[in-house]
ModelCIF file with pLDDT and N, C-alpha, C, O atoms, coordinates in Angstrom:
data_MODEL
#
_entry.id   MODEL 
#
_entity.id                         1 
_entity.type                       polymer 
_entity.pdbx_number_of_molecules   1 
#
_entity_poly.entity_id                      1 
_entity_poly.type                           'polypeptide(L)' 
_entity_poly.nstd_linkage                   no 
_entity_poly.nstd_monomer                   no 
_entity_poly.pdbx_seq_one_letter_code       TWIAPEEGCDFCHNPKKLDSDEKYPKVVARRMLQM 
_entity_poly.pdbx_seq_one_letter_code_can   TWIAPEEGCDFCHNPKKLDSDEKYPKVVARRMLQM 
_entity_poly.pdbx_strand_id                 A 
#
loop_
_entity_poly_seq.entity_id 
_entity_poly_seq.num 
_entity_poly_seq.mon_id 
_entity_poly_seq.hetero 
1 1  THR n 
1 2  TRP n 
1 3  ILE n 
1 4  ALA n 
1 5  PRO n 
1 6  GLU n 
1 7  GLU n 
1 8  GLY n 
1 9  CYS n 
1 10 ASP n 
1 11 PHE n 
1 12 CYS n 
1 13 HIS n 
1 14 ASN n 
1 15 PRO n 
1 16 LYS n 
1 17 LYS n 
1 18 LEU n 
1 19 ASP n 
1 20 SER n 
1 21 ASP n 
1 22 GLU n 
1 23 LYS n 
1 24 TYR n 
1 25 PRO n 
1 26 LYS n 
1 27 VAL n 
1 28 VAL n 
1 29 ALA n 
1 30 ARG n 
1 31 ARG n 
1 32 MET n 
1 33 LEU n 
1 34 GLN n 
1 35 MET n 
#
_struct_asym.id          A 
_struct_asym.entity_id   1 
#
loop_
_ma_qa_metric.id 
_ma_qa_metric.mode 
_ma_qa_metric.name 
_ma_qa_metric.software_group_id 
_ma_qa_metric.type 
1 global pLDDT . pLDDT 
2 local  pLDDT . pLDDT 
#
_ma_qa_metric_global.metric_id      1 
_ma_qa_metric_global.metric_value   94.63 
_ma_qa_metric_global.model_id       1 
_ma_qa_metric_global.ordinal_id     1 
#
loop_
_ma_qa_metric_local.label_asym_id 
_ma_qa_metric_local.label_comp_id 
_ma_qa_metric_local.label_seq_id 
_ma_qa_metric_local.metric_id 
_ma_qa_metric_local.metric_value 
_ma_qa_metric_local.model_id 
_ma_qa_metric_local.ordinal_id 
A THR 1  2 94.00 1 1  
A TRP 2  2 96.00 1 2  
A ILE 3  2 96.00 1 3  
A ALA 4  2 95.00 1 4  
A PRO 5  2 94.00 1 5  
A GLU 6  2 93.00 1 6  
A GLU 7  2 93.00 1 7  
A GLY 8  2 93.00 1 8  
A CYS 9  2 93.00 1 9  
A ASP 10 2 95.00 1 10 
A PHE 11 2 96.00 1 11 
A CYS 12 2 95.00 1 12 
A HIS 13 2 95.00 1 13 
A ASN 14 2 94.00 1 14 
A PRO 15 2 92.00 1 15 
A LYS 16 2 92.00 1 16 
A LYS 17 2 94.00 1 17 
A LEU 18 2 91.00 1 18 
A ASP 19 2 92.00 1 19 
A SER 20 2 94.00 1 20 
A ASP 21 2 94.00 1 21 
A GLU 22 2 95.00 1 22 
A LYS 23 2 95.00 1 23 
A TYR 24 2 96.00 1 24 
A PRO 25 2 96.00 1 25 
A LYS 26 2 96.00 1 26 
A VAL 27 2 95.00 1 27 
A VAL 28 2 96.00 1 28 
A ALA 29 2 96.00 1 29 
A ARG 30 2 95.00 1 30 
A ARG 31 2 96.00 1 31 
A MET 32 2 97.00 1 32 
A LEU 33 2 96.00 1 33 
A GLN 34 2 95.00 1 34 
A MET 35 2 97.00 1 35 
#
loop_
_atom_site.group_PDB 
_atom_site.id 
_atom_site.type_symbol 
_atom_site.label_atom_id 
_atom_site.label_alt_id 
_atom_site.label_comp_id 
_atom_site.label_asym_id 
_atom_site.label_entity_id 
_atom_site.label_seq_id 
_atom_site.pdbx_PDB_ins_code 
_atom_site.Cartn_x 
_atom_site.Cartn_y 
_atom_site.Cartn_z 
_atom_site.occupancy 
_atom_site.B_iso_or_equiv 
_atom_site.pdbx_formal_charge 
_atom_site.auth_seq_id 
_atom_site.auth_comp_id 
_atom_site.auth_asym_id 
_atom_site.auth_atom_id 
_atom_site.pdbx_PDB_model_num 
ATOM 1   N N  . THR A 1 1  ? -1.867  0.128  -39.105 1.00 94.00 ? 1  THR A N  1 
ATOM 2   C CA . THR A 1 1  ? -1.695  -0.952 -38.127 1.00 94.00 ? 1  THR A CA 1 
ATOM 3   C C  . THR A 1 1  ? -2.919  -1.072 -37.237 1.00 94.00 ? 1  THR A C  1 
ATOM 4   O O  . THR A 1 1  ? -3.366  -2.178 -36.932 1.00 94.00 ? 1  THR A O  1 
ATOM 5   N N  . TRP A 1 2  ? -3.457  0.057  -36.822 1.00 96.00 ? 2  TRP A N  1 
ATOM 6   C CA . TRP A 1 2  ? -4.575  0.069  -35.882 1.00 96.00 ? 2  TRP A CA 1 
ATOM 7   C C  . TRP A 1 2  ? -5.882  -0.387 -36.518 1.00 96.00 ? 2  TRP A C  1 
ATOM 8   O O  . TRP A 1 2  ? -6.690  -1.050 -35.867 1.00 96.00 ? 2  TRP A O  1 
ATOM 9   N N  . ILE A 1 3  ? -6.097  -0.035 -37.787 1.00 96.00 ? 3  ILE A N  1 
ATOM 10  C CA . ILE A 1 3  ? -7.422  -0.192 -38.391 1.00 96.00 ? 3  ILE A CA 1 
ATOM 11  C C  . ILE A 1 3  ? -7.450  -1.236 -39.502 1.00 96.00 ? 3  ILE A C  1 
ATOM 12  O O  . ILE A 1 3  ? -8.391  -2.027 -39.576 1.00 96.00 ? 3  ILE A O  1 
ATOM 13  N N  . ALA A 1 4  ? -6.442  -1.255 -40.365 1.00 95.00 ? 4  ALA A N  1 
ATOM 14  C CA . ALA A 1 4  ? -6.473  -2.158 -41.520 1.00 95.00 ? 4  ALA A CA 1 
ATOM 15  C C  . ALA A 1 4  ? -5.089  -2.769 -41.743 1.00 95.00 ? 4  ALA A C  1 
ATOM 16  O O  . ALA A 1 4  ? -4.424  -2.439 -42.726 1.00 95.00 ? 4  ALA A O  1 
ATOM 17  N N  . PRO A 1 5  ? -4.648  -3.644 -40.855 1.00 94.00 ? 5  PRO A N  1 
ATOM 18  C CA . PRO A 1 5  ? -3.290  -4.196 -40.979 1.00 94.00 ? 5  PRO A CA 1 
ATOM 19  C C  . PRO A 1 5  ? -3.095  -5.044 -42.233 1.00 94.00 ? 5  PRO A C  1 
ATOM 20  O O  . PRO A 1 5  ? -1.964  -5.172 -42.703 1.00 94.00 ? 5  PRO A O  1 
ATOM 21  N N  . GLU A 1 6  ? -4.149  -5.622 -42.787 1.00 93.00 ? 6  GLU A N  1 
ATOM 22  C CA . GLU A 1 6  ? -4.006  -6.431 -43.999 1.00 93.00 ? 6  GLU A CA 1 
ATOM 23  C C  . GLU A 1 6  ? -4.087  -5.577 -45.261 1.00 93.00 ? 6  GLU A C  1 
ATOM 24  O O  . GLU A 1 6  ? -3.277  -5.745 -46.173 1.00 93.00 ? 6  GLU A O  1 
ATOM 25  N N  . GLU A 1 7  ? -5.051  -4.665 -45.325 1.00 93.00 ? 7  GLU A N  1 
ATOM 26  C CA . GLU A 1 7  ? -5.219  -3.830 -46.517 1.00 93.00 ? 7  GLU A CA 1 
ATOM 27  C C  . GLU A 1 7  ? -4.202  -2.703 -46.584 1.00 93.00 ? 7  GLU A C  1 
ATOM 28  O O  . GLU A 1 7  ? -3.802  -2.291 -47.672 1.00 93.00 ? 7  GLU A O  1 
ATOM 29  N N  . GLY A 1 8  ? -3.780  -2.203 -45.427 1.00 93.00 ? 8  GLY A N  1 
ATOM 30  C CA . GLY A 1 8  ? -2.842  -1.088 -45.403 1.00 93.00 ? 8  GLY A CA 1 
ATOM 31  C C  . GLY A 1 8  ? -3.470  0.193  -45.912 1.00 93.00 ? 8  GLY A C  1 
ATOM 32  O O  . GLY A 1 8  ? -4.657  0.444  -45.703 1.00 93.00 ? 8  GLY A O  1 
ATOM 33  N N  . CYS A 1 9  ? -2.673  0.990  -46.572 1.00 93.00 ? 9  CYS A N  1 
ATOM 34  C CA . CYS A 1 9  ? -3.135  2.303  -47.048 1.00 93.00 ? 9  CYS A CA 1 
ATOM 35  C C  . CYS A 1 9  ? -4.298  2.194  -48.019 1.00 93.00 ? 9  CYS A C  1 
ATOM 36  O O  . CYS A 1 9  ? -5.127  3.099  -48.106 1.00 93.00 ? 9  CYS A O  1 
ATOM 37  N N  . ASP A 1 10 ? -4.361  1.066  -48.764 1.00 95.00 ? 10 ASP A N  1 
ATOM 38  C CA . ASP A 1 10 ? -5.399  0.919  -49.784 1.00 95.00 ? 10 ASP A CA 1 
ATOM 39  C C  . ASP A 1 10 ? -6.798  0.842  -49.188 1.00 95.00 ? 10 ASP A C  1 
ATOM 40  O O  . ASP A 1 10 ? -7.781  1.004  -49.911 1.00 95.00 ? 10 ASP A O  1 
ATOM 41  N N  . PHE A 1 11 ? -6.909  0.597  -47.889 1.00 96.00 ? 11 PHE A N  1 
ATOM 42  C CA . PHE A 1 11 ? -8.239  0.534  -47.282 1.00 96.00 ? 11 PHE A CA 1 
ATOM 43  C C  . PHE A 1 11 ? -8.951  1.879  -47.389 1.00 96.00 ? 11 PHE A C  1 
ATOM 44  O O  . PHE A 1 11 ? -10.161 1.920  -47.611 1.00 96.00 ? 11 PHE A O  1 
ATOM 45  N N  . CYS A 1 12 ? -8.232  2.953  -47.239 1.00 95.00 ? 12 CYS A N  1 
ATOM 46  C CA . CYS A 1 12 ? -8.826  4.296  -47.313 1.00 95.00 ? 12 CYS A CA 1 
ATOM 47  C C  . CYS A 1 12 ? -8.518  5.015  -48.623 1.00 95.00 ? 12 CYS A C  1 
ATOM 48  O O  . CYS A 1 12 ? -9.293  5.867  -49.057 1.00 95.00 ? 12 CYS A O  1 
ATOM 49  N N  . HIS A 1 13 ? -7.400  4.682  -49.252 1.00 95.00 ? 13 HIS A N  1 
ATOM 50  C CA . HIS A 1 13 ? -6.915  5.475  -50.381 1.00 95.00 ? 13 HIS A CA 1 
ATOM 51  C C  . HIS A 1 13 ? -6.940  4.697  -51.691 1.00 95.00 ? 13 HIS A C  1 
ATOM 52  O O  . HIS A 1 13 ? -6.786  3.476  -51.715 1.00 95.00 ? 13 HIS A O  1 
ATOM 53  N N  . ASN A 1 14 ? -7.136  5.434  -52.773 1.00 94.00 ? 14 ASN A N  1 
ATOM 54  C CA . ASN A 1 14 ? -6.827  4.940  -54.106 1.00 94.00 ? 14 ASN A CA 1 
ATOM 55  C C  . ASN A 1 14 ? -5.318  5.070  -54.271 1.00 94.00 ? 14 ASN A C  1 
ATOM 56  O O  . ASN A 1 14 ? -4.817  6.193  -54.310 1.00 94.00 ? 14 ASN A O  1 
ATOM 57  N N  . PRO A 1 15 ? -4.573  3.973  -54.369 1.00 92.00 ? 15 PRO A N  1 
ATOM 58  C CA . PRO A 1 15 ? -3.111  4.075  -54.392 1.00 92.00 ? 15 PRO A CA 1 
ATOM 59  C C  . PRO A 1 15 ? -2.566  4.881  -55.556 1.00 92.00 ? 15 PRO A C  1 
ATOM 60  O O  . PRO A 1 15 ? -1.436  5.365  -55.502 1.00 92.00 ? 15 PRO A O  1 
ATOM 61  N N  . LYS A 1 16 ? -3.366  5.030  -56.617 1.00 92.00 ? 16 LYS A N  1 
ATOM 62  C CA . LYS A 1 16 ? -2.911  5.808  -57.765 1.00 92.00 ? 16 LYS A CA 1 
ATOM 63  C C  . LYS A 1 16 ? -3.279  7.284  -57.643 1.00 92.00 ? 16 LYS A C  1 
ATOM 64  O O  . LYS A 1 16 ? -2.811  8.113  -58.423 1.00 92.00 ? 16 LYS A O  1 
ATOM 65  N N  . LYS A 1 17 ? -4.109  7.604  -56.672 1.00 94.00 ? 17 LYS A N  1 
ATOM 66  C CA . LYS A 1 17 ? -4.514  9.003  -56.474 1.00 94.00 ? 17 LYS A CA 1 
ATOM 67  C C  . LYS A 1 17 ? -4.835  9.192  -54.991 1.00 94.00 ? 17 LYS A C  1 
ATOM 68  O O  . LYS A 1 17 ? -6.000  9.184  -54.593 1.00 94.00 ? 17 LYS A O  1 
ATOM 69  N N  . LEU A 1 18 ? -3.802  9.361  -54.188 1.00 91.00 ? 18 LEU A N  1 
ATOM 70  C CA . LEU A 1 18 ? -3.948  9.383  -52.736 1.00 91.00 ? 18 LEU A CA 1 
ATOM 71  C C  . LEU A 1 18 ? -4.846  10.506 -52.233 1.00 91.00 ? 18 LEU A C  1 
ATOM 72  O O  . LEU A 1 18 ? -5.463  10.375 -51.176 1.00 91.00 ? 18 LEU A O  1 
ATOM 73  N N  . ASP A 1 19 ? -4.926  11.602 -52.972 1.00 92.00 ? 19 ASP A N  1 
ATOM 74  C CA . ASP A 1 19 ? -5.714  12.739 -52.497 1.00 92.00 ? 19 ASP A CA 1 
ATOM 75  C C  . ASP A 1 19 ? -7.204  12.577 -52.785 1.00 92.00 ? 19 ASP A C  1 
ATOM 76  O O  . ASP A 1 19 ? -7.999  13.421 -52.374 1.00 92.00 ? 19 ASP A O  1 
ATOM 77  N N  . SER A 1 20 ? -7.597  11.520 -53.475 1.00 94.00 ? 20 SER A N  1 
ATOM 78  C CA . SER A 1 20 ? -9.003  11.329 -53.820 1.00 94.00 ? 20 SER A CA 1 
ATOM 79  C C  . SER A 1 20 ? -9.808  10.921 -52.585 1.00 94.00 ? 20 SER A C  1 
ATOM 80  O O  . SER A 1 20 ? -9.315  10.212 -51.708 1.00 94.00 ? 20 SER A O  1 
ATOM 81  N N  . ASP A 1 21 ? -11.058 11.386 -52.538 1.00 94.00 ? 21 ASP A N  1 
ATOM 82  C CA . ASP A 1 21 ? -11.986 11.019 -51.467 1.00 94.00 ? 21 ASP A CA 1 
ATOM 83  C C  . ASP A 1 21 ? -13.008 9.990  -51.946 1.00 94.00 ? 21 ASP A C  1 
ATOM 84  O O  . ASP A 1 21 ? -14.097 9.894  -51.379 1.00 94.00 ? 21 ASP A O  1 
ATOM 85  N N  . GLU A 1 22 ? -12.675 9.222  -52.978 1.00 95.00 ? 22 GLU A N  1 
ATOM 86  C CA . GLU A 1 22 ? -13.648 8.311  -53.566 1.00 95.00 ? 22 GLU A CA 1 
ATOM 87  C C  . GLU A 1 22 ? -14.016 7.153  -52.656 1.00 95.00 ? 22 GLU A C  1 
ATOM 88  O O  . GLU A 1 22 ? -15.101 6.588  -52.799 1.00 95.00 ? 22 GLU A O  1 
ATOM 89  N N  . LYS A 1 23 ? -13.146 6.783  -51.724 1.00 95.00 ? 23 LYS A N  1 
ATOM 90  C CA . LYS A 1 23 ? -13.439 5.697  -50.801 1.00 95.00 ? 23 LYS A CA 1 
ATOM 91  C C  . LYS A 1 23 ? -14.020 6.264  -49.509 1.00 95.00 ? 23 LYS A C  1 
ATOM 92  O O  . LYS A 1 23 ? -13.425 7.134  -48.873 1.00 95.00 ? 23 LYS A O  1 
ATOM 93  N N  . TYR A 1 24 ? -15.197 5.753  -49.135 1.00 96.00 ? 24 TYR A N  1 
ATOM 94  C CA . TYR A 1 24 ? -15.865 6.314  -47.962 1.00 96.00 ? 24 TYR A CA 1 
ATOM 95  C C  . TYR A 1 24 ? -15.069 6.155  -46.662 1.00 96.00 ? 24 TYR A C  1 
ATOM 96  O O  . TYR A 1 24 ? -15.194 7.013  -45.788 1.00 96.00 ? 24 TYR A O  1 
ATOM 97  N N  . PRO A 1 25 ? -14.240 5.079  -46.481 1.00 96.00 ? 25 PRO A N  1 
ATOM 98  C CA . PRO A 1 25 ? -13.473 5.000  -45.232 1.00 96.00 ? 25 PRO A CA 1 
ATOM 99  C C  . PRO A 1 25 ? -12.540 6.184  -45.002 1.00 96.00 ? 25 PRO A C  1 
ATOM 100 O O  . PRO A 1 25 ? -12.258 6.535  -43.857 1.00 96.00 ? 25 PRO A O  1 
ATOM 101 N N  . LYS A 1 26 ? -12.066 6.793  -46.064 1.00 96.00 ? 26 LYS A N  1 
ATOM 102 C CA . LYS A 1 26 ? -11.192 7.956  -45.893 1.00 96.00 ? 26 LYS A CA 1 
ATOM 103 C C  . LYS A 1 26 ? -11.970 9.128  -45.308 1.00 96.00 ? 26 LYS A C  1 
ATOM 104 O O  . LYS A 1 26 ? -11.476 9.825  -44.422 1.00 96.00 ? 26 LYS A O  1 
ATOM 105 N N  . VAL A 1 27 ? -13.175 9.342  -45.799 1.00 95.00 ? 27 VAL A N  1 
ATOM 106 C CA . VAL A 1 27 ? -14.000 10.436 -45.291 1.00 95.00 ? 27 VAL A CA 1 
ATOM 107 C C  . VAL A 1 27 ? -14.364 10.179 -43.830 1.00 95.00 ? 27 VAL A C  1 
ATOM 108 O O  . VAL A 1 27 ? -14.352 11.096 -43.009 1.00 95.00 ? 27 VAL A O  1 
ATOM 109 N N  . VAL A 1 28 ? -14.689 8.915  -43.511 1.00 96.00 ? 28 VAL A N  1 
ATOM 110 C CA . VAL A 1 28 ? -15.014 8.566  -42.135 1.00 96.00 ? 28 VAL A CA 1 
ATOM 111 C C  . VAL A 1 28 ? -13.799 8.729  -41.240 1.00 96.00 ? 28 VAL A C  1 
ATOM 112 O O  . VAL A 1 28 ? -13.906 9.269  -40.138 1.00 96.00 ? 28 VAL A O  1 
ATOM 113 N N  . ALA A 1 29 ? -12.633 8.263  -41.707 1.00 96.00 ? 29 ALA A N  1 
ATOM 114 C CA . ALA A 1 29 ? -11.412 8.351  -40.904 1.00 96.00 ? 29 ALA A CA 1 
ATOM 115 C C  . ALA A 1 29 ? -11.052 9.795  -40.592 1.00 96.00 ? 29 ALA A C  1 
ATOM 116 O O  . ALA A 1 29 ? -10.583 10.101 -39.496 1.00 96.00 ? 29 ALA A O  1 
ATOM 117 N N  . ARG A 1 30 ? -11.269 10.664 -41.538 1.00 95.00 ? 30 ARG A N  1 
ATOM 118 C CA . ARG A 1 30 ? -10.986 12.092 -41.319 1.00 95.00 ? 30 ARG A CA 1 
ATOM 119 C C  . ARG A 1 30 ? -11.820 12.629 -40.157 1.00 95.00 ? 30 ARG A C  1 
ATOM 120 O O  . ARG A 1 30 ? -11.321 13.364 -39.304 1.00 95.00 ? 30 ARG A O  1 
ATOM 121 N N  . ARG A 1 31 ? -13.099 12.249 -40.139 1.00 96.00 ? 31 ARG A N  1 
ATOM 122 C CA . ARG A 1 31 ? -13.980 12.713 -39.068 1.00 96.00 ? 31 ARG A CA 1 
ATOM 123 C C  . ARG A 1 31 ? -13.631 12.042 -37.740 1.00 96.00 ? 31 ARG A C  1 
ATOM 124 O O  . ARG A 1 31 ? -13.754 12.657 -36.681 1.00 96.00 ? 31 ARG A O  1 
ATOM 125 N N  . MET A 1 32 ? -13.197 10.785 -37.795 1.00 97.00 ? 32 MET A N  1 
ATOM 126 C CA . MET A 1 32 ? -12.835 10.084 -36.566 1.00 97.00 ? 32 MET A CA 1 
ATOM 127 C C  . MET A 1 32 ? -11.568 10.675 -35.941 1.00 97.00 ? 32 MET A C  1 
ATOM 128 O O  . MET A 1 32 ? -11.433 10.690 -34.718 1.00 97.00 ? 32 MET A O  1 
ATOM 129 N N  . LEU A 1 33 ? -10.656 11.153 -36.758 1.00 96.00 ? 33 LEU A N  1 
ATOM 130 C CA . LEU A 1 33 ? -9.461  11.813 -36.220 1.00 96.00 ? 33 LEU A CA 1 
ATOM 131 C C  . LEU A 1 33 ? -9.853  13.088 -35.469 1.00 96.00 ? 33 LEU A C  1 
ATOM 132 O O  . LEU A 1 33 ? -9.302  13.389 -34.410 1.00 96.00 ? 33 LEU A O  1 
ATOM 133 N N  . GLN A 1 34 ? -10.806 13.828 -36.027 1.00 95.00 ? 34 GLN A N  1 
ATOM 134 C CA . GLN A 1 34 ? -11.307 15.008 -35.315 1.00 95.00 ? 34 GLN A CA 1 
ATOM 135 C C  . GLN A 1 34 ? -11.975 14.605 -34.010 1.00 95.00 ? 34 GLN A C  1 
ATOM 136 O O  . GLN A 1 34 ? -11.823 15.284 -32.994 1.00 95.00 ? 34 GLN A O  1 
ATOM 137 N N  . MET A 1 35 ? -12.716 13.497 -34.037 1.00 97.00 ? 35 MET A N  1 
ATOM 138 C CA . MET A 1 35 ? -13.387 13.017 -32.839 1.00 97.00 ? 35 MET A CA 1 
ATOM 139 C C  . MET A 1 35 ? -12.363 12.613 -31.774 1.00 97.00 ? 35 MET A C  1 
ATOM 140 O O  . MET A 1 35 ? -12.743 12.180 -30.686 1.00 97.00 ? 35 MET A O  1 
#
């Protein structure tokens, strides 16, 4: 809701493999949560 209300989970994740880090927004989001 806060970051990608239109794309939803797919903005950061591969919907077929949620644990994958192939999309750079997921790696960035992880660091932003720490921040």
